[in-house]
N, C-alpha and C. Protein backbone atom coordinates (compact mmCIF):
# COMPACT_ATOMS: atom_id res chain seq x y z
N MET A 1 -53.70 60.24 193.95
CA MET A 1 -52.70 60.79 193.06
C MET A 1 -53.06 62.23 192.70
N GLU A 2 -52.05 62.97 192.43
CA GLU A 2 -52.25 64.38 192.10
C GLU A 2 -52.53 64.56 190.61
N THR A 3 -53.34 65.56 190.33
CA THR A 3 -53.62 65.92 188.95
C THR A 3 -52.57 66.92 188.48
N GLU A 4 -51.99 66.66 187.32
CA GLU A 4 -50.98 67.54 186.75
C GLU A 4 -51.35 67.84 185.30
N LYS A 5 -50.66 68.81 184.72
CA LYS A 5 -50.84 69.11 183.31
C LYS A 5 -49.71 68.44 182.53
N PHE A 6 -50.10 67.80 181.43
CA PHE A 6 -49.14 67.10 180.58
C PHE A 6 -49.33 67.55 179.14
N GLU A 7 -48.26 67.43 178.37
CA GLU A 7 -48.31 67.66 176.93
C GLU A 7 -47.97 66.34 176.25
N ILE A 8 -48.86 65.89 175.39
CA ILE A 8 -48.62 64.67 174.62
C ILE A 8 -48.17 65.11 173.23
N VAL A 9 -46.97 64.69 172.83
CA VAL A 9 -46.39 65.09 171.55
C VAL A 9 -46.38 63.89 170.62
N ILE A 10 -46.99 64.06 169.44
CA ILE A 10 -47.05 63.00 168.43
C ILE A 10 -46.12 63.40 167.29
N THR A 11 -45.07 62.61 167.08
CA THR A 11 -44.10 62.88 166.03
C THR A 11 -44.27 61.85 164.93
N SER A 12 -44.51 62.31 163.70
CA SER A 12 -44.71 61.40 162.57
C SER A 12 -43.40 60.68 162.24
N PRO A 13 -43.48 59.56 161.52
CA PRO A 13 -42.26 58.80 161.21
C PRO A 13 -41.19 59.59 160.48
N ASN A 14 -41.57 60.51 159.63
CA ASN A 14 -40.57 61.30 158.91
C ASN A 14 -40.21 62.59 159.64
N ALA A 15 -40.76 62.80 160.82
CA ALA A 15 -40.49 63.96 161.69
C ALA A 15 -40.87 65.30 161.05
N LYS A 16 -41.73 65.29 160.04
CA LYS A 16 -42.18 66.54 159.45
C LYS A 16 -43.40 67.09 160.16
N ASP A 17 -44.25 66.20 160.66
CA ASP A 17 -45.46 66.63 161.35
C ASP A 17 -45.32 66.36 162.84
N ILE A 18 -45.52 67.39 163.63
CA ILE A 18 -45.49 67.26 165.08
C ILE A 18 -46.78 67.88 165.62
N LYS A 19 -47.54 67.07 166.37
CA LYS A 19 -48.79 67.55 166.97
C LYS A 19 -48.63 67.53 168.48
N THR A 20 -49.26 68.48 169.14
CA THR A 20 -49.20 68.55 170.60
C THR A 20 -50.61 68.59 171.16
N ILE A 21 -50.86 67.76 172.16
CA ILE A 21 -52.15 67.72 172.86
C ILE A 21 -51.88 68.04 174.32
N THR A 22 -52.62 68.97 174.88
CA THR A 22 -52.50 69.30 176.30
C THR A 22 -53.57 68.55 177.06
N MET A 23 -53.16 67.92 178.17
CA MET A 23 -54.08 67.10 178.94
C MET A 23 -53.82 67.31 180.42
N GLU A 24 -54.88 67.27 181.20
CA GLU A 24 -54.74 67.36 182.65
C GLU A 24 -55.24 66.05 183.25
N GLY A 25 -54.44 65.46 184.12
CA GLY A 25 -54.82 64.20 184.75
C GLY A 25 -53.66 63.61 185.52
N THR A 26 -53.84 62.38 185.95
CA THR A 26 -52.78 61.67 186.66
C THR A 26 -51.86 61.00 185.66
N LEU A 27 -50.73 60.52 186.14
CA LEU A 27 -49.77 59.86 185.26
C LEU A 27 -50.37 58.59 184.66
N ASP A 28 -51.16 57.86 185.42
CA ASP A 28 -51.79 56.65 184.90
C ASP A 28 -52.77 56.96 183.77
N GLU A 29 -53.53 58.04 183.90
CA GLU A 29 -54.46 58.44 182.84
C GLU A 29 -53.70 58.85 181.58
N VAL A 30 -52.57 59.52 181.77
CA VAL A 30 -51.76 59.95 180.63
C VAL A 30 -51.15 58.74 179.93
N LYS A 31 -50.74 57.73 180.69
CA LYS A 31 -50.19 56.51 180.08
C LYS A 31 -51.24 55.82 179.22
N VAL A 32 -52.47 55.74 179.70
CA VAL A 32 -53.55 55.10 178.94
C VAL A 32 -53.84 55.90 177.68
N LYS A 33 -53.91 57.22 177.79
CA LYS A 33 -54.19 58.08 176.63
C LYS A 33 -53.06 58.00 175.60
N THR A 34 -51.82 57.99 176.08
CA THR A 34 -50.66 57.89 175.19
C THR A 34 -50.67 56.56 174.43
N ASP A 35 -50.98 55.49 175.13
CA ASP A 35 -51.04 54.17 174.49
C ASP A 35 -52.15 54.14 173.43
N HIS A 36 -53.30 54.73 173.74
CA HIS A 36 -54.42 54.78 172.80
C HIS A 36 -54.04 55.56 171.54
N ILE A 37 -53.40 56.70 171.72
CA ILE A 37 -52.98 57.52 170.58
C ILE A 37 -51.94 56.78 169.74
N ALA A 38 -51.00 56.08 170.39
CA ALA A 38 -49.96 55.35 169.67
C ALA A 38 -50.56 54.22 168.84
N ARG A 39 -51.60 53.57 169.35
CA ARG A 39 -52.26 52.50 168.60
C ARG A 39 -52.98 53.06 167.37
N GLU A 40 -53.47 54.29 167.45
CA GLU A 40 -54.15 54.91 166.30
C GLU A 40 -53.15 55.42 165.27
N ASN A 41 -51.95 55.79 165.70
CA ASN A 41 -50.93 56.36 164.82
C ASN A 41 -49.73 55.43 164.74
N ILE A 42 -49.90 54.29 164.06
CA ILE A 42 -48.83 53.31 163.93
C ILE A 42 -47.65 53.95 163.22
N GLY A 43 -46.45 53.78 163.76
CA GLY A 43 -45.24 54.34 163.18
C GLY A 43 -44.83 55.66 163.80
N SER A 44 -45.73 56.33 164.48
CA SER A 44 -45.41 57.61 165.11
C SER A 44 -44.89 57.39 166.53
N ILE A 45 -44.06 58.31 166.98
CA ILE A 45 -43.56 58.28 168.35
C ILE A 45 -44.46 59.19 169.17
N VAL A 46 -45.02 58.67 170.24
CA VAL A 46 -45.92 59.43 171.09
C VAL A 46 -45.27 59.55 172.46
N SER A 47 -45.03 60.78 172.90
CA SER A 47 -44.35 61.03 174.17
C SER A 47 -45.20 61.93 175.05
N ALA A 48 -45.14 61.68 176.35
CA ALA A 48 -45.85 62.52 177.32
C ALA A 48 -44.81 63.27 178.15
N PHE A 49 -44.96 64.58 178.20
CA PHE A 49 -44.08 65.44 178.97
C PHE A 49 -44.88 66.16 180.04
N ALA A 50 -44.28 66.37 181.21
CA ALA A 50 -44.89 67.26 182.18
C ALA A 50 -44.82 68.66 181.58
N THR A 51 -45.81 69.50 181.87
CA THR A 51 -45.81 70.85 181.30
C THR A 51 -44.54 71.58 181.71
N ASN A 52 -43.91 72.22 180.74
CA ASN A 52 -42.64 72.93 180.91
C ASN A 52 -41.50 71.98 181.27
N GLY A 53 -41.65 70.71 180.94
CA GLY A 53 -40.58 69.74 181.19
C GLY A 53 -39.86 69.41 179.90
N PHE A 54 -38.60 69.01 180.01
CA PHE A 54 -37.84 68.66 178.82
C PHE A 54 -37.58 67.16 178.73
N LYS A 55 -37.89 66.42 179.78
CA LYS A 55 -37.70 64.97 179.81
C LYS A 55 -39.06 64.29 179.79
N SER A 56 -39.25 63.34 178.88
CA SER A 56 -40.55 62.68 178.79
C SER A 56 -40.74 61.75 179.99
N VAL A 57 -41.98 61.71 180.47
CA VAL A 57 -42.31 60.83 181.59
C VAL A 57 -42.83 59.49 181.09
N TYR A 58 -43.26 59.43 179.82
CA TYR A 58 -43.76 58.19 179.24
C TYR A 58 -43.67 58.30 177.73
N GLN A 59 -43.32 57.18 177.08
CA GLN A 59 -43.18 57.19 175.63
C GLN A 59 -43.67 55.86 175.07
N LYS A 60 -44.35 55.91 173.92
CA LYS A 60 -44.88 54.70 173.29
C LYS A 60 -44.66 54.80 171.78
N HIS A 61 -44.33 53.65 171.15
CA HIS A 61 -44.06 53.64 169.71
C HIS A 61 -44.37 52.25 169.18
N TYR A 62 -45.33 52.15 168.27
CA TYR A 62 -45.64 50.89 167.60
C TYR A 62 -45.12 50.98 166.18
N LEU A 63 -44.30 50.01 165.77
CA LEU A 63 -43.71 50.03 164.44
C LEU A 63 -44.64 49.50 163.36
N SER A 64 -45.42 48.48 163.69
CA SER A 64 -46.30 47.89 162.69
C SER A 64 -47.54 47.31 163.35
N ALA A 65 -48.47 46.89 162.52
CA ALA A 65 -49.72 46.32 163.02
C ALA A 65 -50.05 45.06 162.23
N ILE A 66 -50.77 44.16 162.87
CA ILE A 66 -51.21 42.92 162.24
C ILE A 66 -52.73 42.92 162.24
N LYS A 67 -53.33 42.60 161.10
CA LYS A 67 -54.78 42.56 161.03
C LYS A 67 -55.27 41.17 161.40
N CYS A 68 -56.10 41.10 162.41
CA CYS A 68 -56.68 39.84 162.87
C CYS A 68 -57.92 39.57 162.03
N LEU A 69 -57.91 38.47 161.28
CA LEU A 69 -59.02 38.18 160.38
C LEU A 69 -60.28 37.76 161.12
N SER A 70 -60.14 37.06 162.23
CA SER A 70 -61.34 36.61 162.95
C SER A 70 -62.01 37.75 163.70
N ALA A 71 -61.22 38.65 164.28
CA ALA A 71 -61.81 39.77 165.03
C ALA A 71 -62.00 41.00 164.16
N GLU A 72 -61.40 41.01 162.97
CA GLU A 72 -61.49 42.13 162.03
C GLU A 72 -61.06 43.45 162.65
N ARG A 73 -59.89 43.43 163.31
CA ARG A 73 -59.35 44.65 163.88
C ARG A 73 -57.83 44.62 163.78
N LEU A 74 -57.22 45.78 163.93
CA LEU A 74 -55.76 45.88 163.89
C LEU A 74 -55.19 45.67 165.28
N SER A 75 -54.16 44.87 165.38
CA SER A 75 -53.48 44.63 166.65
C SER A 75 -52.03 45.05 166.50
N PRO A 76 -51.61 46.08 167.24
CA PRO A 76 -50.20 46.50 167.16
C PRO A 76 -49.28 45.48 167.82
């Protein structure tokens, strides 16, 4: 697979805060990174765009999380 540059955009639930992360890698690596960021930012919309692209190539959004008492971790 080819390495490309991507921009990962994190939009907060109220759309007041927008963060952008630039990443270079394959589409599969970007999907894994986007999913990881979405799990850390519950409620935020996380989208991956090709650099200078206007259409997202991957998008992830978790609305809520459940705390697992036995494993003591959050599960989206």
